[in-house]
Amino acid sequence: MEITWFNEKPKDCIVTLAAGNLTLNKPATTFFENAYSVMLGIDKQDKLIVIKPLGKAEALRHDIAENQKYRITVRSSYSRVTNKAFMEDINEWANLNLEFETHKFKAFWNNKSQILIVNLKEEL
């Protein structure tokens, strides 16, 4: 008998953009399980949102300005970063109409830079 065992493919990292927050699905959340806060950034040229987790020690050091660190809520099946001002900028810049609808995008983890990159060109 020759058995081939089923091996489920890893699920994609998905980030949902809404009017006041970004929500990361469970696969994306795994990179933020120990995050105390995050930094948010954008690359307008390549249409990317960048999310960098900060551990407690890194977040409490004073070499990163307080207005560059944002709270992340991590749950067992998702995580959420609430920042209305950032989402308003994204909404305007990417022309998404987030006041009335949410948008889901693929994301990937950059291991070298330790950042999650949300590709706004890959809407689901």
C-alpha atoms as a PDB file:
ATOM      1  CA  MET A   1       0.000   0.000   0.000  1.00  0.00           C
ATOM      2  CA  GLU A   2       1.310   3.460  -0.926  1.00  0.00           C
ATOM      3  CA  ILE A   3      -0.187   6.262   1.143  1.00  0.00           C
ATOM      4  CA  THR A   4       0.134   9.936   0.336  1.00  0.00           C
ATOM      5  CA  TRP A   5      -0.796  11.982   3.361  1.00  0.00           C
ATOM      6  CA  PHE A   6      -2.843  15.098   2.935  1.00  0.00           C
ATOM      7  CA  ASN A   7      -0.867  18.266   3.551  1.00  0.00           C
ATOM      8  CA  GLU A   8      -3.027  21.392   3.621  1.00  0.00           C
ATOM      9  CA  LYS A   9      -1.452  24.421   1.989  1.00  0.00           C
ATOM     10  CA  PRO A  10      -0.754  27.339   4.318  1.00  0.00           C
ATOM     11  CA  LYS A  11      -3.494  29.943   4.261  1.00  0.00           C
ATOM     12  CA  ASP A  12      -2.798  33.394   2.844  1.00  0.00           C
ATOM     13  CA  CYS A  13      -2.293  36.441   5.026  1.00  0.00           C
ATOM     14  CA  ILE A  14      -5.291  38.721   4.484  1.00  0.00           C
ATOM     15  CA  VAL A  15      -5.765  42.271   5.764  1.00  0.00           C
ATOM     16  CA  THR A  16      -9.214  43.865   5.743  1.00  0.00           C
ATOM     17  CA  LEU A  17      -9.377  47.636   5.521  1.00  0.00           C
ATOM     18  CA  ALA A  18     -12.364  49.419   7.056  1.00  0.00           C
ATOM     19  CA  ALA A  19     -13.199  53.057   7.843  1.00  0.00           C
ATOM     20  CA  GLY A  20     -11.335  53.115  11.172  1.00  0.00           C
ATOM     21  CA  ASN A  21      -9.152  50.018  11.327  1.00  0.00           C
ATOM     22  CA  LEU A  22      -7.095  47.284   9.724  1.00  0.00           C
ATOM     23  CA  THR A  23      -7.969  43.693  10.637  1.00  0.00           C
ATOM     24  CA  LEU A  24      -5.456  40.883  10.147  1.00  0.00           C
ATOM     25  CA  ASN A  25      -6.639  37.302   9.693  1.00  0.00           C
ATOM     26  CA  LYS A  26      -5.239  34.423  11.761  1.00  0.00           C
ATOM     27  CA  PRO A  27      -2.248  33.635   9.475  1.00  0.00           C
ATOM     28  CA  ALA A  28      -1.215  37.313   9.496  1.00  0.00           C
ATOM     29  CA  THR A  29      -1.804  37.554  13.247  1.00  0.00           C
ATOM     30  CA  THR A  30       0.865  34.909  13.945  1.00  0.00           C
ATOM     31  CA  PHE A  31       3.534  37.542  13.237  1.00  0.00           C
ATOM     32  CA  PHE A  32       2.019  39.898  15.842  1.00  0.00           C
ATOM     33  CA  GLU A  33       1.351  37.511  18.742  1.00  0.00           C
ATOM     34  CA  ASN A  34       4.038  39.154  20.885  1.00  0.00           C
ATOM     35  CA  ALA A  35       3.562  42.698  19.619  1.00  0.00           C
ATOM     36  CA  TYR A  36       3.059  45.430  22.197  1.00  0.00           C
ATOM     37  CA  SER A  37       2.334  48.028  19.521  1.00  0.00           C
ATOM     38  CA  VAL A  38       2.927  48.559  15.799  1.00  0.00           C
ATOM     39  CA  MET A  39       4.227  51.126  13.384  1.00  0.00           C
ATOM     40  CA  LEU A  40       2.212  51.909  10.244  1.00  0.00           C
ATOM     41  CA  GLY A  41       3.650  53.096   6.953  1.00  0.00           C
ATOM     42  CA  ILE A  42       2.817  53.428   3.284  1.00  0.00           C
ATOM     43  CA  ASP A  43       4.700  53.167   0.021  1.00  0.00           C
ATOM     44  CA  LYS A  44       2.645  55.306  -2.366  1.00  0.00           C
ATOM     45  CA  GLN A  45       4.712  54.414  -5.422  1.00  0.00           C
ATOM     46  CA  ASP A  46       4.222  50.651  -5.065  1.00  0.00           C
ATOM     47  CA  LYS A  47       0.768  50.930  -3.401  1.00  0.00           C
ATOM     48  CA  LEU A  48       1.779  49.150  -0.194  1.00  0.00           C
ATOM     49  CA  ILE A  49       0.812  49.420   3.471  1.00  0.00           C
ATOM     50  CA  VAL A  50       3.548  48.341   5.877  1.00  0.00           C
ATOM     51  CA  ILE A  51       2.890  47.125   9.422  1.00  0.00           C
ATOM     52  CA  LYS A  52       5.845  46.611  11.767  1.00  0.00           C
ATOM     53  CA  PRO A  53       5.343  44.851  15.097  1.00  0.00           C
ATOM     54  CA  LEU A  54       7.129  46.262  18.127  1.00  0.00           C
ATOM     55  CA  GLY A  55       7.869  44.142  21.180  1.00  0.00           C
ATOM     56  CA  LYS A  56       7.367  45.658  24.626  1.00  0.00           C
ATOM     57  CA  ALA A  57      11.018  46.613  25.152  1.00  0.00           C
ATOM     58  CA  GLU A  58      11.271  48.172  21.701  1.00  0.00           C
ATOM     59  CA  ALA A  59       7.954  50.022  22.113  1.00  0.00           C
ATOM     60  CA  LEU A  60       8.898  51.441  25.520  1.00  0.00           C
ATOM     61  CA  ARG A  61      12.296  52.737  24.407  1.00  0.00           C
ATOM     62  CA  HIS A  62      12.217  56.387  23.572  1.00  0.00           C
ATOM     63  CA  ASP A  63      13.987  56.211  20.210  1.00  0.00           C
ATOM     64  CA  ILE A  64      10.633  55.851  18.379  1.00  0.00           C
ATOM     65  CA  ALA A  65       8.280  58.821  18.694  1.00  0.00           C
ATOM     66  CA  GLU A  66       5.028  58.125  20.540  1.00  0.00           C
ATOM     67  CA  ASN A  67       3.006  59.406  17.595  1.00  0.00           C
ATOM     68  CA  GLN A  68       4.552  56.676  15.405  1.00  0.00           C
ATOM     69  CA  LYS A  69       3.424  53.772  17.630  1.00  0.00           C
ATOM     70  CA  TYR A  70      -0.107  52.398  17.564  1.00  0.00           C
ATOM     71  CA  ARG A  71      -1.940  49.899  19.711  1.00  0.00           C
ATOM     72  CA  ILE A  72      -2.712  46.464  18.322  1.00  0.00           C
ATOM     73  CA  THR A  73      -5.374  44.172  19.762  1.00  0.00           C
ATOM     74  CA  VAL A  74      -4.420  40.519  19.301  1.00  0.00           C
ATOM     75  CA  ARG A  75      -7.047  37.780  19.649  1.00  0.00           C
ATOM     76  CA  SER A  76      -6.824  34.067  18.944  1.00  0.00           C
ATOM     77  CA  SER A  77      -8.242  34.297  15.411  1.00  0.00           C
ATOM     78  CA  TYR A  78      -7.510  37.886  14.341  1.00  0.00           C
ATOM     79  CA  SER A  79      -5.781  41.112  15.304  1.00  0.00           C
ATOM     80  CA  ARG A  80      -6.806  44.723  14.804  1.00  0.00           C
ATOM     81  CA  VAL A  81      -5.107  48.088  14.589  1.00  0.00           C
ATOM     82  CA  THR A  82      -7.532  50.965  15.087  1.00  0.00           C
ATOM     83  CA  ASN A  83      -6.409  54.310  13.714  1.00  0.00           C
ATOM     84  CA  LYS A  84      -9.032  56.482  12.079  1.00  0.00           C
ATOM     85  CA  ALA A  85      -6.596  59.152  10.846  1.00  0.00           C
ATOM     86  CA  PHE A  86      -4.366  56.567   9.116  1.00  0.00           C
ATOM     87  CA  MET A  87      -7.383  54.908   7.504  1.00  0.00           C
ATOM     88  CA  GLU A  88      -8.697  58.274   6.293  1.00  0.00           C
ATOM     89  CA  ASP A  89      -5.330  58.881   4.601  1.00  0.00           C
ATOM     90  CA  ILE A  90      -5.415  55.404   3.032  1.00  0.00           C
ATOM     91  CA  ASN A  91      -9.017  55.913   1.925  1.00  0.00           C
ATOM     92  CA  GLU A  92      -8.182  59.195   0.205  1.00  0.00           C
ATOM     93  CA  TRP A  93      -4.855  58.091  -1.268  1.00  0.00           C
ATOM     94  CA  ALA A  94      -6.039  54.707  -2.566  1.00  0.00           C
ATOM     95  CA  ASN A  95      -9.576  55.883  -3.423  1.00  0.00           C
ATOM     96  CA  LEU A  96     -11.273  52.984  -1.588  1.00  0.00           C
ATOM     97  CA  ASN A  97     -14.603  54.401  -0.302  1.00  0.00           C
ATOM     98  CA  LEU A  98     -14.072  52.840   3.142  1.00  0.00           C
ATOM     99  CA  GLU A  99     -16.962  54.762   4.689  1.00  0.00           C
ATOM    100  CA  PHE A 100     -19.380  52.419   2.940  1.00  0.00           C
ATOM    101  CA  GLU A 101     -17.462  49.186   2.311  1.00  0.00           C
ATOM    102  CA  THR A 102     -14.516  47.113   3.461  1.00  0.00           C
ATOM    103  CA  HIS A 103     -11.736  45.840   1.218  1.00  0.00           C
ATOM    104  CA  LYS A 104      -9.603  42.710   1.617  1.00  0.00           C
ATOM    105  CA  PHE A 105      -6.040  42.523   0.363  1.00  0.00           C
ATOM    106  CA  LYS A 106      -3.332  39.872   0.270  1.00  0.00           C
ATOM    107  CA  ALA A 107      -0.353  40.496   2.485  1.00  0.00           C
ATOM    108  CA  PHE A 108       3.021  38.843   2.946  1.00  0.00           C
ATOM    109  CA  TRP A 109       5.619  38.740   5.685  1.00  0.00           C
ATOM    110  CA  ASN A 110       9.086  40.084   4.916  1.00  0.00           C
ATOM    111  CA  ASN A 111      11.277  38.051   7.246  1.00  0.00           C
ATOM    112  CA  LYS A 112      14.408  40.128   6.667  1.00  0.00           C
ATOM    113  CA  SER A 113      12.745  43.435   7.581  1.00  0.00           C
ATOM    114  CA  GLN A 114      10.270  41.877  10.050  1.00  0.00           C
ATOM    115  CA  ILE A 115       7.296  43.672   8.480  1.00  0.00           C
ATOM    116  CA  LEU A 116       3.914  42.695   7.073  1.00  0.00           C
ATOM    117  CA  ILE A 117       3.367  44.181   3.626  1.00  0.00           C
ATOM    118  CA  VAL A 118      -0.184  44.711   2.375  1.00  0.00           C
ATOM    119  CA  ASN A 119      -0.329  44.901  -1.399  1.00  0.00           C
ATOM    120  CA  LEU A 120      -3.127  47.247  -2.450  1.00  0.00           C
ATOM    121  CA  LYS A 121      -2.792  45.937  -6.011  1.00  0.00           C
ATOM    122  CA  GLU A 122      -3.984  42.465  -4.879  1.00  0.00           C
ATOM    123  CA  GLU A 123      -7.560  42.979  -3.752  1.00  0.00           C
ATOM    124  CA  LEU A 124      -9.575  39.835  -3.120  1.00  0.00           C
END
